Amino acid sequence: QVHLVESGGGLVQPGGSLRLSCAASGGFYDIGVMGWYRQAPGKERELVATITTGSSTNYGDSVKGRFTISRDNTKNMVYLQMNNLEPEDTAVYYCNARLFIRTMIDWTTHWGQGTQVTVSA
């Protein structure tokens, strides 16, 4: 069993900041690419940001310059610092990771349960 657990979501005013965290735990041997995706009601899930084990990053166009993804390989965690938040950022944010599962002896993609981020005055 493996788990990705997000934290840090909540309600924030436009222009404010929020920091999301995601911790991976369970029966995995190694972690590959990690990332954040989001989905608003009636919208398709979209890329927010990804980060490799070597800290190479990729951002969705709508968040470039405002969000920063980072990771701590020693703690099996990934973070998303969100600044200058806009109402359009309101969505459920999902943590994503490629994990090498011990029992499967293979790489698989896993998702967290999601955390709600609401940007409103």
N, C-alpha and C. Protein backbone atom coordinates (compact mmCIF):
# COMPACT_ATOMS: atom_id res chain seq x y z
N GLN A 1 0.83 -1.18 0.00
CA GLN A 1 0.00 0.00 0.00
C GLN A 1 0.88 1.25 0.00
N VAL A 2 0.52 2.19 -0.86
CA VAL A 2 1.21 3.47 -0.91
C VAL A 2 0.18 4.58 -0.79
N HIS A 3 0.61 5.70 -0.24
CA HIS A 3 -0.29 6.81 -0.05
C HIS A 3 0.41 8.12 -0.37
N LEU A 4 -0.33 9.03 -0.97
CA LEU A 4 0.08 10.40 -1.15
C LEU A 4 -0.93 11.27 -0.42
N VAL A 5 -0.47 12.02 0.55
CA VAL A 5 -1.37 12.81 1.38
C VAL A 5 -1.01 14.28 1.27
N GLU A 6 -1.98 15.08 0.80
CA GLU A 6 -1.79 16.52 0.66
C GLU A 6 -2.23 17.25 1.91
N SER A 7 -1.66 18.42 2.11
CA SER A 7 -2.08 19.30 3.19
C SER A 7 -1.78 20.74 2.78
N GLY A 8 -2.42 21.68 3.46
CA GLY A 8 -2.15 23.08 3.22
C GLY A 8 -3.21 23.83 2.45
N GLY A 9 -4.21 23.14 1.94
CA GLY A 9 -5.27 23.81 1.22
C GLY A 9 -6.15 24.63 2.15
N GLY A 10 -6.98 25.48 1.56
CA GLY A 10 -7.87 26.29 2.36
C GLY A 10 -8.39 27.48 1.60
N LEU A 11 -8.90 28.44 2.34
CA LEU A 11 -9.47 29.67 1.78
C LEU A 11 -8.47 30.81 1.91
N VAL A 12 -8.28 31.53 0.82
CA VAL A 12 -7.35 32.65 0.82
C VAL A 12 -7.90 33.76 -0.06
N GLN A 13 -7.57 35.01 0.26
CA GLN A 13 -8.02 36.15 -0.53
C GLN A 13 -7.19 36.32 -1.79
N PRO A 14 -7.76 36.94 -2.82
CA PRO A 14 -6.97 37.23 -4.02
C PRO A 14 -5.71 38.00 -3.68
N GLY A 15 -4.61 37.61 -4.30
CA GLY A 15 -3.33 38.22 -4.02
C GLY A 15 -2.58 37.56 -2.88
N GLY A 16 -3.23 36.66 -2.18
CA GLY A 16 -2.60 35.98 -1.07
C GLY A 16 -1.75 34.82 -1.49
N SER A 17 -1.21 34.12 -0.50
CA SER A 17 -0.31 33.00 -0.74
C SER A 17 -0.76 31.77 0.03
N LEU A 18 -0.38 30.62 -0.49
CA LEU A 18 -0.69 29.36 0.15
C LEU A 18 0.41 28.37 -0.21
N ARG A 19 0.74 27.49 0.71
CA ARG A 19 1.76 26.48 0.47
C ARG A 19 1.18 25.09 0.69
N LEU A 20 1.21 24.28 -0.36
CA LEU A 20 0.73 22.91 -0.30
C LEU A 20 1.89 21.95 -0.08
N SER A 21 1.62 20.88 0.65
CA SER A 21 2.60 19.84 0.89
C SER A 21 2.01 18.49 0.55
N CYS A 22 2.85 17.57 0.12
CA CYS A 22 2.42 16.22 -0.19
C CYS A 22 3.48 15.25 0.30
N ALA A 23 3.07 14.29 1.10
CA ALA A 23 3.98 13.29 1.65
C ALA A 23 3.65 11.91 1.09
N ALA A 24 4.66 11.23 0.60
CA ALA A 24 4.51 9.88 0.10
C ALA A 24 4.92 8.88 1.17
N SER A 25 4.14 7.82 1.31
CA SER A 25 4.45 6.80 2.31
C SER A 25 3.97 5.45 1.82
N GLY A 26 4.49 4.39 2.42
CA GLY A 26 4.07 3.04 2.08
C GLY A 26 5.16 2.20 1.46
N GLY A 27 4.74 1.16 0.77
CA GLY A 27 5.68 0.18 0.24
C GLY A 27 6.25 0.51 -1.12
N PHE A 28 7.00 1.58 -1.20
CA PHE A 28 7.70 1.92 -2.43
C PHE A 28 9.20 1.92 -2.19
N TYR A 29 9.91 1.65 -3.26
CA TYR A 29 11.36 1.59 -3.18
C TYR A 29 12.02 2.90 -3.58
N ASP A 30 11.40 3.59 -4.52
CA ASP A 30 11.99 4.82 -5.03
C ASP A 30 10.90 5.74 -5.56
N ILE A 31 11.21 7.02 -5.65
CA ILE A 31 10.29 8.02 -6.17
C ILE A 31 10.89 8.68 -7.40
N GLY A 32 10.08 8.81 -8.44
CA GLY A 32 10.52 9.49 -9.64
C GLY A 32 9.96 10.89 -9.71
N VAL A 33 9.39 11.24 -10.85
CA VAL A 33 8.80 12.56 -11.04
C VAL A 33 7.63 12.77 -10.09
N MET A 34 7.53 13.95 -9.52
CA MET A 34 6.39 14.32 -8.69
C MET A 34 5.78 15.60 -9.26
N GLY A 35 4.50 15.81 -8.97
CA GLY A 35 3.87 16.99 -9.52
C GLY A 35 2.55 17.33 -8.87
N TRP A 36 1.99 18.43 -9.34
CA TRP A 36 0.69 18.90 -8.89
C TRP A 36 -0.20 19.14 -10.09
N TYR A 37 -1.44 18.70 -9.98
CA TYR A 37 -2.47 18.94 -10.97
C TYR A 37 -3.69 19.51 -10.26
N ARG A 38 -4.56 20.15 -11.01
CA ARG A 38 -5.75 20.71 -10.40
C ARG A 38 -6.95 20.53 -11.31
N GLN A 39 -8.13 20.54 -10.70
CA GLN A 39 -9.37 20.40 -11.44
C GLN A 39 -10.46 21.24 -10.80
N ALA A 40 -11.03 22.12 -11.59
CA ALA A 40 -12.15 22.94 -11.16
C ALA A 40 -13.45 22.30 -11.66
N PRO A 41 -14.58 22.58 -11.00
CA PRO A 41 -15.86 22.01 -11.44
C PRO A 41 -16.15 22.32 -12.90
N GLY A 42 -16.50 21.28 -13.65
CA GLY A 42 -16.80 21.45 -15.06
C GLY A 42 -15.60 21.60 -15.95
N LYS A 43 -14.41 21.51 -15.39
CA LYS A 43 -13.18 21.66 -16.16
C LYS A 43 -12.40 20.35 -16.16
N GLU A 44 -11.53 20.21 -17.15
CA GLU A 44 -10.65 19.06 -17.20
C GLU A 44 -9.48 19.27 -16.23
N ARG A 45 -8.95 18.16 -15.77
CA ARG A 45 -7.77 18.24 -14.91
C ARG A 45 -6.59 18.78 -15.72
N GLU A 46 -5.86 19.71 -15.14
CA GLU A 46 -4.77 20.34 -15.85
C GLU A 46 -3.48 20.31 -15.05
N LEU A 47 -2.39 20.37 -15.78
CA LEU A 47 -1.07 20.40 -15.17
C LEU A 47 -0.85 21.73 -14.45
N VAL A 48 -0.34 21.64 -13.23
CA VAL A 48 0.11 22.81 -12.50
C VAL A 48 1.63 22.90 -12.58
N ALA A 49 2.29 21.84 -12.12
CA ALA A 49 3.75 21.81 -12.14
C ALA A 49 4.25 20.40 -11.90
N THR A 50 5.41 20.09 -12.45
CA THR A 50 6.09 18.84 -12.18
C THR A 50 7.55 19.12 -11.85
N ILE A 51 8.17 18.17 -11.18
CA ILE A 51 9.57 18.31 -10.82
C ILE A 51 10.23 16.94 -10.82
N THR A 52 11.39 16.85 -11.44
CA THR A 52 12.13 15.60 -11.50
C THR A 52 12.99 15.43 -10.26
N THR A 53 13.62 14.26 -10.15
CA THR A 53 14.51 14.01 -9.03
C THR A 53 15.71 14.95 -9.06
N GLY A 54 16.06 15.43 -10.24
CA GLY A 54 17.15 16.38 -10.38
C GLY A 54 16.69 17.83 -10.29
N SER A 55 15.44 18.05 -9.91
CA SER A 55 14.86 19.38 -9.69
C SER A 55 14.64 20.17 -10.97
N SER A 56 14.50 19.48 -12.08
CA SER A 56 14.06 20.13 -13.31
C SER A 56 12.55 20.32 -13.24
N THR A 57 12.06 21.53 -13.53
CA THR A 57 10.65 21.84 -13.33
C THR A 57 9.93 22.16 -14.63
N ASN A 58 8.62 21.98 -14.59
CA ASN A 58 7.76 22.30 -15.71
C ASN A 58 6.46 22.86 -15.14
N TYR A 59 5.99 24.00 -15.68
CA TYR A 59 4.80 24.67 -15.16
C TYR A 59 3.75 24.85 -16.23
N GLY A 60 2.49 24.80 -15.80
CA GLY A 60 1.41 25.16 -16.68
C GLY A 60 1.45 26.65 -16.97
N ASP A 61 0.97 27.03 -18.15
CA ASP A 61 1.05 28.42 -18.56
C ASP A 61 0.34 29.38 -17.60
N SER A 62 -0.75 28.95 -17.02
CA SER A 62 -1.55 29.83 -16.18
C SER A 62 -0.92 30.13 -14.83
N VAL A 63 0.11 29.38 -14.44
CA VAL A 63 0.71 29.58 -13.12
C VAL A 63 2.16 30.01 -13.18
N LYS A 64 2.72 30.12 -14.37
CA LYS A 64 4.11 30.50 -14.51
C LYS A 64 4.37 31.87 -13.90
N GLY A 65 5.42 31.95 -13.11
CA GLY A 65 5.78 33.20 -12.46
C GLY A 65 5.10 33.43 -11.14
N ARG A 66 4.10 32.61 -10.82
CA ARG A 66 3.37 32.77 -9.56
C ARG A 66 3.55 31.58 -8.62
N PHE A 67 3.66 30.38 -9.19
CA PHE A 67 3.79 29.17 -8.38
C PHE A 67 5.21 28.62 -8.47
N THR A 68 5.64 27.97 -7.41
CA THR A 68 6.96 27.34 -7.38
C THR A 68 6.85 25.95 -6.78
N ILE A 69 7.31 24.95 -7.52
CA ILE A 69 7.31 23.59 -7.03
C ILE A 69 8.71 23.24 -6.53
N SER A 70 8.76 22.45 -5.47
CA SER A 70 10.03 22.00 -4.93
C SER A 70 9.84 20.62 -4.30
N ARG A 71 10.94 19.97 -3.98
CA ARG A 71 10.83 18.64 -3.37
C ARG A 71 11.97 18.42 -2.39
N ASP A 72 11.75 17.50 -1.48
CA ASP A 72 12.76 17.09 -0.53
C ASP A 72 12.87 15.58 -0.64
N ASN A 73 13.90 15.11 -1.31
CA ASN A 73 14.04 13.68 -1.57
C ASN A 73 14.30 12.88 -0.30
N THR A 74 14.88 13.50 0.71
CA THR A 74 15.15 12.80 1.95
C THR A 74 13.89 12.58 2.77
N LYS A 75 12.86 13.40 2.53
CA LYS A 75 11.61 13.30 3.26
C LYS A 75 10.46 12.74 2.42
N ASN A 76 10.73 12.45 1.16
CA ASN A 76 9.71 11.94 0.24
C ASN A 76 8.52 12.91 0.15
N MET A 77 8.84 14.18 0.00
CA MET A 77 7.80 15.20 -0.04
C MET A 77 7.97 16.13 -1.23
N VAL A 78 6.86 16.68 -1.68
CA VAL A 78 6.84 17.69 -2.72
C VAL A 78 5.98 18.84 -2.23
N TYR A 79 6.36 20.06 -2.62
CA TYR A 79 5.67 21.25 -2.16
C TYR A 79 5.25 22.12 -3.34
N LEU A 80 4.25 22.94 -3.09
CA LEU A 80 3.81 23.91 -4.09
C LEU A 80 3.56 25.23 -3.38
N GLN A 81 4.44 26.20 -3.63
CA GLN A 81 4.26 27.54 -3.10
C GLN A 81 3.46 28.35 -4.11
N MET A 82 2.31 28.84 -3.69
CA MET A 82 1.41 29.57 -4.56
C MET A 82 1.33 31.02 -4.10
N ASN A 83 1.76 31.94 -4.95
CA ASN A 83 1.73 33.36 -4.66
C ASN A 83 0.83 34.09 -5.64
N ASN A 84 0.40 35.28 -5.26
CA ASN A 84 -0.47 36.10 -6.11
C ASN A 84 -1.66 35.31 -6.61
N LEU A 85 -2.31 34.65 -5.70
CA LEU A 85 -3.44 33.79 -6.06
C LEU A 85 -4.60 34.59 -6.64
N GLU A 86 -5.26 33.99 -7.61
CA GLU A 86 -6.39 34.58 -8.30
C GLU A 86 -7.62 33.70 -8.13
N PRO A 87 -8.82 34.26 -8.26
CA PRO A 87 -10.03 33.43 -8.17
C PRO A 87 -10.01 32.26 -9.14
N GLU A 88 -9.37 32.44 -10.29
CA GLU A 88 -9.29 31.38 -11.29
C GLU A 88 -8.44 30.20 -10.83
N ASP A 89 -7.68 30.38 -9.76
CA ASP A 89 -6.88 29.29 -9.20
C ASP A 89 -7.71 28.35 -8.34
N THR A 90 -8.95 28.70 -8.06
CA THR A 90 -9.82 27.87 -7.24
C THR A 90 -10.02 26.51 -7.90
N ALA A 91 -9.69 25.45 -7.18
CA ALA A 91 -9.78 24.10 -7.71
C ALA A 91 -9.40 23.10 -6.63
N VAL A 92 -9.60 21.84 -6.93
CA VAL A 92 -9.04 20.77 -6.12
C VAL A 92 -7.66 20.47 -6.66
N TYR A 93 -6.67 20.50 -5.79
CA TYR A 93 -5.30 20.26 -6.19
C TYR A 93 -4.89 18.85 -5.80
N TYR A 94 -4.32 18.12 -6.76
CA TYR A 94 -3.94 16.73 -6.57
C TYR A 94 -2.43 16.56 -6.66
N CYS A 95 -1.90 15.82 -5.73
CA CYS A 95 -0.50 15.44 -5.76
C CYS A 95 -0.34 14.20 -6.64
N ASN A 96 0.74 14.15 -7.38
CA ASN A 96 1.02 13.05 -8.28
C ASN A 96 2.47 12.62 -8.14
N ALA A 97 2.70 11.31 -8.24
CA ALA A 97 4.07 10.82 -8.14
C ALA A 97 4.22 9.49 -8.85
N ARG A 98 5.40 9.30 -9.42
CA ARG A 98 5.79 8.00 -9.97
C ARG A 98 6.55 7.26 -8.88
N LEU A 99 6.04 6.09 -8.51
CA LEU A 99 6.62 5.30 -7.43
C LEU A 99 7.00 3.91 -7.91
N PHE A 100 8.17 3.45 -7.50
CA PHE A 100 8.57 2.08 -7.77
C PHE A 100 8.09 1.23 -6.61
N ILE A 101 7.09 0.40 -6.88
CA ILE A 101 6.44 -0.40 -5.84
C ILE A 101 7.21 -1.70 -5.62
N ARG A 102 7.51 -1.99 -4.38
CA ARG A 102 8.31 -3.17 -4.04
C ARG A 102 7.66 -4.47 -4.48
N THR A 103 6.38 -4.64 -4.17
CA THR A 103 5.70 -5.89 -4.48
C THR A 103 5.47 -6.08 -5.97
N MET A 104 5.32 -4.99 -6.70
CA MET A 104 5.11 -5.06 -8.14
C MET A 104 6.42 -5.11 -8.92
N ILE A 105 7.46 -4.65 -8.30
CA ILE A 105 8.76 -4.52 -8.95
C ILE A 105 8.58 -3.76 -10.26
N ASP A 106 7.91 -2.62 -10.14
CA ASP A 106 7.61 -1.84 -11.33
C ASP A 106 7.25 -0.41 -10.93
N TRP A 107 7.35 0.50 -11.89
CA TRP A 107 6.96 1.88 -11.70
C TRP A 107 5.47 2.06 -12.00
N THR A 108 4.78 2.79 -11.13
CA THR A 108 3.37 3.09 -11.33
C THR A 108 3.10 4.53 -10.92
N THR A 109 2.01 5.08 -11.46
CA THR A 109 1.62 6.45 -11.16
C THR A 109 0.56 6.47 -10.07
N HIS A 110 0.72 7.38 -9.12
CA HIS A 110 -0.20 7.46 -7.99
C HIS A 110 -0.69 8.88 -7.78
N TRP A 111 -1.87 8.99 -7.22
CA TRP A 111 -2.52 10.27 -6.98
C TRP A 111 -2.94 10.40 -5.52
N GLY A 112 -2.86 11.61 -5.01
CA GLY A 112 -3.39 11.90 -3.69
C GLY A 112 -4.89 12.08 -3.74
N GLN A 113 -5.48 12.30 -2.58
CA GLN A 113 -6.94 12.43 -2.50
C GLN A 113 -7.43 13.80 -2.92
N GLY A 114 -6.55 14.76 -3.00
CA GLY A 114 -6.89 16.11 -3.39
C GLY A 114 -7.14 17.01 -2.20
N THR A 115 -6.81 18.28 -2.36
CA THR A 115 -7.07 19.27 -1.33
C THR A 115 -7.67 20.51 -1.98
N GLN A 116 -8.70 21.06 -1.36
CA GLN A 116 -9.43 22.19 -1.93
C GLN A 116 -8.69 23.50 -1.68
N VAL A 117 -8.53 24.27 -2.73
CA VAL A 117 -8.00 25.63 -2.65
C VAL A 117 -9.06 26.57 -3.18
N THR A 118 -9.48 27.51 -2.35
CA THR A 118 -10.50 28.47 -2.73
C THR A 118 -9.94 29.88 -2.59
N VAL A 119 -9.98 30.64 -3.67
CA VAL A 119 -9.49 32.02 -3.68
C VAL A 119 -10.69 32.94 -3.85
N SER A 120 -11.02 33.65 -2.81
CA SER A 120 -12.20 34.50 -2.83
C SER A 120 -12.07 35.61 -1.80
N ALA A 121 -12.63 36.77 -2.14
CA ALA A 121 -12.66 37.88 -1.20
C ALA A 121 -13.76 37.71 -0.17
